[in-house]
Amino acid sequence: MAGTPNSSAPAVKPKRKHVLSGVLAALLMIVAVLGTIARALPADLQSLPYVPVVVSLTPWFVPLAVVALLLALFSNRWFVALIALACVAAQVWWQAPFFRSQAALSQDAVTAVGQAHVVTGDHYARVMTLNVFKGQTDPQAVVDLVRDERVEVLALQETTDAFVKQLEADGIGDYLPYSQVSSSDGVYGNGLWSAVALDRPVDDEVNSSASFMPAGTVDMGGVQVRFISVHTTSPQPGYWSQWNRALNELSLMQQKNGTAYVMMGDFNATYDHAAFRGILGSRFSDATRQAGHGLVFTWPANHTGVPAFAGIDHILIDQGMVAGQVQSKHVAGSDHAALLATLQVA
């Protein structure tokens, strides 16, 4: 009889582990379900307070759902496991296209942008967009990246007069001598820089309530491509509806026919936001998704020990274009990473 308590003790610990695993699985499953539901909401409901922030974290609900599934299986919580599996399936369905190329650059495009110096006048161009964080980014770092990546068209957001002046002093004109910069409030602006002349430059192509979005047309081997530097309202307390409105305004670009567009910039939205997908419609493609190189996160990029976890910077391309070699690059002083891509026009 004296040995009975000791002989039963080992059986208690595994049971306790199963209970704790089951509880943890249920909690993680609930979080994953909420994240999955948020991503599935229509645009108007996604603009409710804080929902845009939750949706921006969508890819990160995948590992939570996977862990919930494993813990549920370990603890024999079959209902929890089933719900977690459904969350994993939904997330895989949404994110898998980022890992599968929809169109590939030609070898001519890869060769053209791989030259030691920029080659203009062809159908290929290396492009880049970067939010310069209210002019706090190092202008020389921007110039160096433009040089090293042989960028032909550059879009910057949140510029200041002082930043632009220093950018010019640091030699941006040696690589991109043509520019169009505009500001709706006289403090922060958006701009375009190009290796070739910008035809029909304007201060604001979109007529957005968020900011002036300058544009100019670039000749790419006889194909006229109109580039826009985009910056929408950030989804912050008090600005939820304005955020949704700015994205909806960009969706009207689908109706501008007769011109091939490329929109580059800080959209303050990820592909998982319904309002962002509304901009694409059946006309535009997200370069990152089309290239199929995987998810590319660009924000935040200025916190030590905190990796970028949201892809809110985008390069959107019109029909008949192909994007590849998409990547992000850290730039000193910015809270965003630069987003680069190689474009090919038909």
Protein backbone atom coordinates (compact mmCIF):
# COMPACT_ATOMS: atom_id res chain seq x y z
CA MET A 1 0.00 0.00 0.00
CA ALA A 2 2.88 2.38 0.77
CA GLY A 3 4.05 2.24 -2.85
CA THR A 4 0.62 3.02 -4.37
CA PRO A 5 0.88 6.87 -4.43
CA ASN A 6 4.35 6.73 -6.00
CA SER A 7 3.27 4.22 -8.63
CA SER A 8 0.38 6.46 -9.74
CA ALA A 9 2.40 9.71 -9.82
CA PRO A 10 3.98 9.18 -13.26
CA ALA A 11 0.48 8.84 -14.77
CA VAL A 12 -0.58 12.29 -13.47
CA LYS A 13 2.15 14.32 -15.19
CA PRO A 14 1.35 13.22 -18.77
CA LYS A 15 -2.33 13.96 -18.10
CA ARG A 16 -1.44 17.43 -16.85
CA LYS A 17 0.71 18.00 -19.93
CA HIS A 18 -2.19 17.01 -22.13
CA VAL A 19 -4.48 19.46 -20.34
CA LEU A 20 -2.00 22.33 -20.66
CA SER A 21 -1.36 21.48 -24.30
CA GLY A 22 -5.08 21.41 -24.95
CA VAL A 23 -5.64 24.79 -23.32
CA LEU A 24 -2.75 26.36 -25.20
CA ALA A 25 -3.97 24.80 -28.46
CA ALA A 26 -7.42 26.27 -27.90
CA LEU A 27 -6.04 29.74 -27.17
CA LEU A 28 -3.79 29.76 -30.23
CA MET A 29 -6.64 28.41 -32.32
CA ILE A 30 -8.90 31.27 -31.22
CA VAL A 31 -6.25 33.84 -32.16
CA ALA A 32 -5.73 32.15 -35.54
CA VAL A 33 -9.48 32.07 -36.17
CA LEU A 34 -9.86 35.76 -35.37
CA GLY A 35 -6.98 36.60 -37.69
CA THR A 36 -8.41 34.44 -40.45
CA ILE A 37 -11.86 35.98 -40.08
CA ALA A 38 -10.39 39.48 -40.18
CA ARG A 39 -8.64 38.72 -43.46
CA ALA A 40 -11.89 37.37 -44.95
CA LEU A 41 -13.92 40.50 -44.11
CA PRO A 42 -15.03 42.88 -46.88
CA ALA A 43 -13.25 46.22 -47.24
CA ASP A 44 -15.76 48.29 -45.27
CA LEU A 45 -15.56 46.00 -42.24
CA GLN A 46 -11.77 45.84 -42.49
CA SER A 47 -11.72 49.61 -42.01
CA LEU A 48 -13.22 49.31 -38.53
CA PRO A 49 -10.87 50.47 -35.72
CA TYR A 50 -7.73 48.33 -35.39
CA VAL A 51 -8.92 45.71 -37.88
CA PRO A 52 -6.45 46.97 -40.53
CA VAL A 53 -3.62 46.36 -38.07
CA VAL A 54 -4.79 42.80 -37.42
CA VAL A 55 -5.13 42.09 -41.15
CA SER A 56 -1.58 43.36 -41.80
CA LEU A 57 -0.36 40.48 -39.59
CA THR A 58 -2.19 37.83 -41.64
CA PRO A 59 0.87 35.75 -42.70
CA TRP A 60 1.90 35.41 -39.06
CA PHE A 61 -1.30 33.61 -38.17
CA VAL A 62 -0.02 30.65 -40.20
CA PRO A 63 2.60 29.51 -37.65
CA LEU A 64 0.10 30.12 -34.83
CA ALA A 65 -2.42 27.86 -36.53
CA VAL A 66 0.23 25.21 -37.20
CA VAL A 67 1.33 25.18 -33.55
CA ALA A 68 -2.31 25.03 -32.45
CA LEU A 69 -2.85 22.06 -34.76
CA LEU A 70 0.17 20.15 -33.43
CA LEU A 71 -0.75 20.81 -29.80
CA ALA A 72 -4.34 19.81 -30.45
CA LEU A 73 -3.26 16.52 -32.00
CA PHE A 74 -0.89 15.88 -29.10
CA SER A 75 -3.66 16.48 -26.55
CA ASN A 76 -6.38 14.69 -28.53
CA ARG A 77 -8.45 17.87 -28.96
CA TRP A 78 -9.95 16.86 -32.29
CA PHE A 79 -12.38 19.75 -32.69
CA VAL A 80 -9.60 22.28 -32.00
CA ALA A 81 -7.38 20.42 -34.45
CA LEU A 82 -10.08 20.56 -37.14
CA ILE A 83 -10.57 24.33 -36.76
CA ALA A 84 -6.81 24.93 -36.69
CA LEU A 85 -6.43 22.84 -39.85
CA ALA A 86 -9.13 24.93 -41.55
CA CYS A 87 -7.20 28.10 -40.63
CA VAL A 88 -3.98 26.66 -42.03
CA ALA A 89 -5.76 25.68 -45.25
CA ALA A 90 -7.24 29.16 -45.68
CA GLN A 91 -3.91 30.85 -45.04
CA VAL A 92 -2.06 28.55 -47.43
CA TRP A 93 -4.66 29.30 -50.10
CA TRP A 94 -4.09 33.05 -49.64
CA GLN A 95 -0.30 33.06 -49.33
CA ALA A 96 0.76 30.26 -51.72
CA PRO A 97 0.64 32.48 -54.87
CA PHE A 98 3.51 34.54 -53.45
CA PHE A 99 5.70 31.46 -53.79
CA ARG A 100 4.67 30.54 -57.33
CA SER A 101 5.81 32.68 -60.26
CA GLN A 102 2.97 33.81 -62.51
CA ALA A 103 5.25 35.12 -65.27
CA ALA A 104 9.00 35.08 -65.75
CA LEU A 105 11.35 37.75 -66.99
CA SER A 106 13.02 37.02 -70.30
CA GLN A 107 16.75 36.36 -70.39
CA ASP A 108 17.11 39.61 -72.34
CA ALA A 109 15.59 41.50 -69.40
CA VAL A 110 17.93 39.86 -66.90
CA THR A 111 20.93 40.60 -69.10
CA ALA A 112 19.89 44.21 -69.73
CA VAL A 113 19.56 45.19 -66.07
CA GLY A 114 22.73 43.27 -65.20
CA GLN A 115 25.00 45.56 -67.20
CA ALA A 116 27.63 47.63 -65.45
CA HIS A 117 25.76 50.81 -66.36
CA VAL A 118 22.11 51.67 -66.90
CA VAL A 119 20.85 50.88 -70.39
CA THR A 120 17.92 53.07 -71.42
CA GLY A 121 15.80 52.84 -74.53
CA ASP A 122 14.92 49.16 -74.13
CA HIS A 123 11.87 47.39 -72.74
CA TYR A 124 13.42 46.70 -69.35
CA ALA A 125 14.03 48.79 -66.25
CA ARG A 126 15.10 48.37 -62.67
CA VAL A 127 12.75 50.40 -60.45
CA MET A 128 12.67 51.26 -56.76
CA THR A 129 10.36 52.81 -54.18
CA LEU A 130 11.16 54.02 -50.66
CA ASN A 131 9.43 56.00 -47.92
CA VAL A 132 12.20 58.27 -46.60
CA PHE A 133 10.56 58.73 -43.17
CA LYS A 134 9.84 62.47 -43.17
CA GLY A 135 13.18 63.22 -44.75
CA GLN A 136 15.20 61.43 -42.04
CA THR A 137 16.69 58.85 -44.43
CA ASP A 138 20.34 59.25 -45.42
CA PRO A 139 20.25 60.78 -48.95
CA GLN A 140 23.69 59.41 -49.77
CA ALA A 141 22.46 55.90 -48.96
CA VAL A 142 19.63 56.39 -51.45
CA VAL A 143 22.03 57.59 -54.15
CA ASP A 144 24.37 54.67 -53.48
CA LEU A 145 21.54 52.15 -53.76
CA VAL A 146 20.32 53.73 -57.00
CA ARG A 147 23.85 53.46 -58.40
CA ASP A 148 24.49 49.91 -57.21
CA GLU A 149 21.12 48.58 -58.39
CA ARG A 150 21.22 50.56 -61.66
CA VAL A 151 17.77 52.00 -60.95
CA GLU A 152 16.08 53.77 -63.85
CA VAL A 153 12.93 55.01 -62.12
CA LEU A 154 12.78 55.95 -58.43
CA ALA A 155 9.72 56.80 -56.33
CA LEU A 156 10.17 58.41 -52.91
CA GLN A 157 7.59 59.31 -50.28
CA GLU A 158 7.66 61.66 -47.27
CA THR A 159 10.36 63.87 -48.76
CA THR A 160 11.20 67.32 -47.41
CA ASP A 161 12.77 70.29 -49.18
CA ALA A 162 15.95 69.77 -47.18
CA PHE A 163 16.09 66.08 -48.07
CA VAL A 164 15.60 66.74 -51.79
CA LYS A 165 18.28 69.45 -51.74
CA GLN A 166 20.74 67.08 -50.06
CA LEU A 167 19.77 64.28 -52.44
CA GLU A 168 20.74 66.54 -55.31
CA ALA A 169 23.97 67.56 -53.58
CA ASP A 170 24.85 63.89 -53.09
CA GLY A 171 24.60 63.24 -56.81
CA ILE A 172 21.19 61.78 -57.61
CA GLY A 173 21.32 63.79 -60.85
CA ASP A 174 24.30 61.77 -62.03
CA TYR A 175 22.04 58.74 -62.34
CA LEU A 176 18.48 60.09 -62.42
CA PRO A 177 18.61 63.65 -63.79
CA TYR A 178 14.86 64.10 -64.36
CA SER A 179 12.41 64.53 -61.49
CA GLN A 180 8.96 65.62 -60.40
CA VAL A 181 8.36 66.34 -56.70
CA SER A 182 5.16 67.69 -55.19
CA SER A 183 3.62 68.31 -51.77
CA SER A 184 0.00 68.83 -50.76
CA ASP A 185 0.82 70.39 -47.38
CA GLY A 186 4.09 72.16 -48.15
CA VAL A 187 5.97 70.03 -45.61
CA TYR A 188 6.14 66.43 -46.81
CA GLY A 189 6.04 65.38 -50.43
CA ASN A 190 6.32 62.53 -52.89
CA GLY A 191 8.58 62.40 -55.89
CA LEU A 192 9.71 60.61 -59.03
CA TRP A 193 13.23 60.50 -60.46
CA SER A 194 14.09 59.05 -63.85
CA ALA A 195 17.10 58.24 -66.02
CA VAL A 196 15.18 59.51 -69.07
CA ALA A 197 12.95 62.55 -69.53
CA LEU A 198 9.55 62.48 -67.80
CA ASP A 199 6.86 63.30 -70.33
CA ARG A 200 3.74 65.16 -69.15
CA PRO A 201 4.81 65.41 -65.49
CA VAL A 202 2.07 66.42 -63.04
CA ASP A 203 1.93 67.14 -59.32
CA ASP A 204 -1.01 64.80 -58.70
CA GLU A 205 -2.25 62.06 -61.02
CA VAL A 206 -4.74 60.51 -58.62
CA ASN A 207 -6.57 63.48 -57.05
CA SER A 208 -6.24 61.70 -53.72
CA SER A 209 -7.39 62.98 -50.35
CA ALA A 210 -4.23 61.51 -48.81
CA SER A 211 -1.43 63.36 -50.61
CA PHE A 212 -0.26 64.63 -53.98
CA MET A 213 0.87 61.66 -56.04
CA PRO A 214 3.14 62.94 -58.83
CA ALA A 215 3.41 61.17 -62.17
CA GLY A 216 5.38 61.24 -65.38
CA THR A 217 5.61 59.14 -68.51
CA VAL A 218 8.77 57.19 -69.32
CA ASP A 219 9.64 55.85 -72.77
CA MET A 220 10.61 52.19 -72.43
CA GLY A 221 11.77 51.13 -75.87
CA GLY A 222 8.88 52.88 -77.60
CA VAL A 223 6.31 51.86 -74.99
CA GLN A 224 4.97 54.80 -72.98
CA VAL A 225 4.68 53.87 -69.29
CA ARG A 226 3.27 56.33 -66.77
CA PHE A 227 4.78 56.05 -63.30
CA ILE A 228 3.10 57.33 -60.11
CA SER A 229 4.66 57.82 -56.67
CA VAL A 230 1.99 56.66 -54.21
CA HIS A 231 1.47 57.48 -50.55
CA THR A 232 -1.86 56.77 -48.86
CA THR A 233 -3.18 57.58 -45.39
CA SER A 234 -1.84 55.42 -42.57
CA PRO A 235 -4.39 53.29 -40.64
CA GLN A 236 -4.13 54.91 -37.23
CA PRO A 237 -6.67 55.84 -34.54
CA GLY A 238 -8.92 58.55 -35.90
CA TYR A 239 -7.95 57.86 -39.52
CA TRP A 240 -9.53 54.47 -40.21
CA SER A 241 -12.13 55.77 -42.67
CA GLN A 242 -9.63 58.12 -44.35
CA TRP A 243 -7.32 55.13 -44.87
CA ASN A 244 -10.08 53.19 -46.60
CA ARG A 245 -11.07 56.24 -48.65
CA ALA A 246 -7.52 56.79 -49.94
CA LEU A 247 -7.29 53.17 -51.11
CA ASN A 248 -10.69 53.39 -52.79
CA GLU A 249 -9.56 56.52 -54.62
CA LEU A 250 -6.61 54.61 -56.06
CA SER A 251 -8.96 51.91 -57.32
CA LEU A 252 -10.36 54.49 -59.77
CA MET A 253 -7.07 54.22 -61.69
CA GLN A 254 -8.54 51.08 -63.29
CA GLN A 255 -10.81 53.35 -65.31
CA LYS A 256 -7.97 55.34 -66.88
CA ASN A 257 -7.58 53.63 -70.21
CA GLY A 258 -5.17 54.31 -73.03
CA THR A 259 -2.13 54.55 -70.76
CA ALA A 260 0.01 51.85 -69.18
CA TYR A 261 0.56 52.60 -65.49
CA VAL A 262 3.05 51.59 -62.84
CA MET A 263 2.19 52.67 -59.29
CA MET A 264 5.01 52.52 -56.75
CA GLY A 265 5.04 53.58 -53.14
CA ASP A 266 3.81 53.28 -49.59
CA PHE A 267 0.24 52.02 -49.83
CA ASN A 268 -0.06 51.53 -46.05
CA ALA A 269 -1.81 48.24 -46.84
CA THR A 270 -0.83 44.67 -47.53
CA TYR A 271 -2.20 42.32 -50.16
CA ASP A 272 -4.41 40.86 -47.43
CA HIS A 273 -6.41 44.10 -47.16
CA ALA A 274 -9.54 43.89 -49.31
CA ALA A 275 -9.30 47.59 -50.20
CA PHE A 276 -5.80 47.03 -51.59
CA ARG A 277 -6.98 44.12 -53.72
CA GLY A 278 -9.71 46.46 -54.91
CA ILE A 279 -7.01 48.69 -56.41
CA LEU A 280 -5.76 45.77 -58.48
CA GLY A 281 -9.11 44.61 -59.80
CA SER A 282 -8.64 42.60 -62.99
CA ARG A 283 -6.16 45.11 -64.43
CA PHE A 284 -3.17 45.58 -62.14
CA SER A 285 -0.80 43.04 -60.58
CA ASP A 286 1.33 43.26 -57.47
CA ALA A 287 4.95 42.79 -58.57
CA THR A 288 5.88 40.80 -55.46
CA ARG A 289 3.02 38.36 -55.92
CA GLN A 290 3.52 38.03 -59.68
CA ALA A 291 7.25 37.35 -59.30
CA GLY A 292 6.63 34.49 -56.88
CA HIS A 293 9.84 34.97 -54.89
CA GLY A 294 7.98 34.77 -51.58
CA LEU A 295 6.64 37.34 -49.14
CA VAL A 296 8.62 40.60 -49.00
CA PHE A 297 8.22 42.63 -45.81
CA THR A 298 9.21 46.31 -45.81
CA TRP A 299 7.95 47.70 -42.47
CA PRO A 300 9.11 48.43 -39.81
CA ALA A 301 12.79 48.63 -40.69
CA ASN A 302 14.21 50.86 -37.97
CA HIS A 303 13.76 48.90 -34.74
CA THR A 304 16.72 46.89 -33.48
CA GLY A 305 15.74 43.28 -32.85
CA VAL A 306 12.34 43.69 -34.51
CA PRO A 307 12.22 42.27 -38.05
CA ALA A 308 10.02 43.80 -40.72
CA PHE A 309 6.68 41.98 -40.57
CA ALA A 310 4.37 43.79 -43.01
CA GLY A 311 4.57 44.29 -46.75
CA ILE A 312 2.95 47.71 -47.12
CA ASP A 313 5.17 49.02 -49.93
CA HIS A 314 4.24 47.88 -53.41
CA ILE A 315 5.02 48.10 -57.10
CA LEU A 316 1.82 47.64 -59.11
CA ILE A 317 2.09 46.93 -62.82
CA ASP A 318 -0.42 47.20 -65.63
CA GLN A 319 -1.51 44.47 -68.01
CA GLY A 320 1.14 43.34 -70.47
CA MET A 321 4.00 43.84 -68.02
CA VAL A 322 6.15 41.32 -66.19
CA ALA A 323 7.97 41.86 -62.89
CA GLY A 324 10.84 39.90 -61.41
CA GLN A 325 13.95 40.15 -59.23
CA VAL A 326 11.82 41.67 -56.48
CA GLN A 327 13.67 42.34 -53.25
CA SER A 328 13.84 44.67 -50.27
CA LYS A 329 16.93 46.60 -49.16
CA HIS A 330 17.66 48.32 -45.86
CA VAL A 331 18.36 52.05 -46.16
CA ALA A 332 19.85 53.94 -43.22
CA GLY A 333 17.44 56.31 -41.49
CA SER A 334 14.19 55.00 -42.94
CA ASP A 335 11.44 53.12 -41.13
CA HIS A 336 10.75 51.32 -44.41
CA ALA A 337 12.94 49.06 -46.49
CA ALA A 338 13.33 49.98 -50.13
CA LEU A 339 11.44 47.76 -52.56
CA LEU A 340 13.07 47.01 -55.92
CA ALA A 341 11.96 45.14 -59.01
CA THR A 342 12.87 44.60 -62.63
CA LEU A 343 10.08 45.45 -65.08
CA GLN A 344 9.60 44.20 -68.61
CA VAL A 345 7.05 45.70 -71.00
CA ALA A 346 5.65 44.06 -74.09
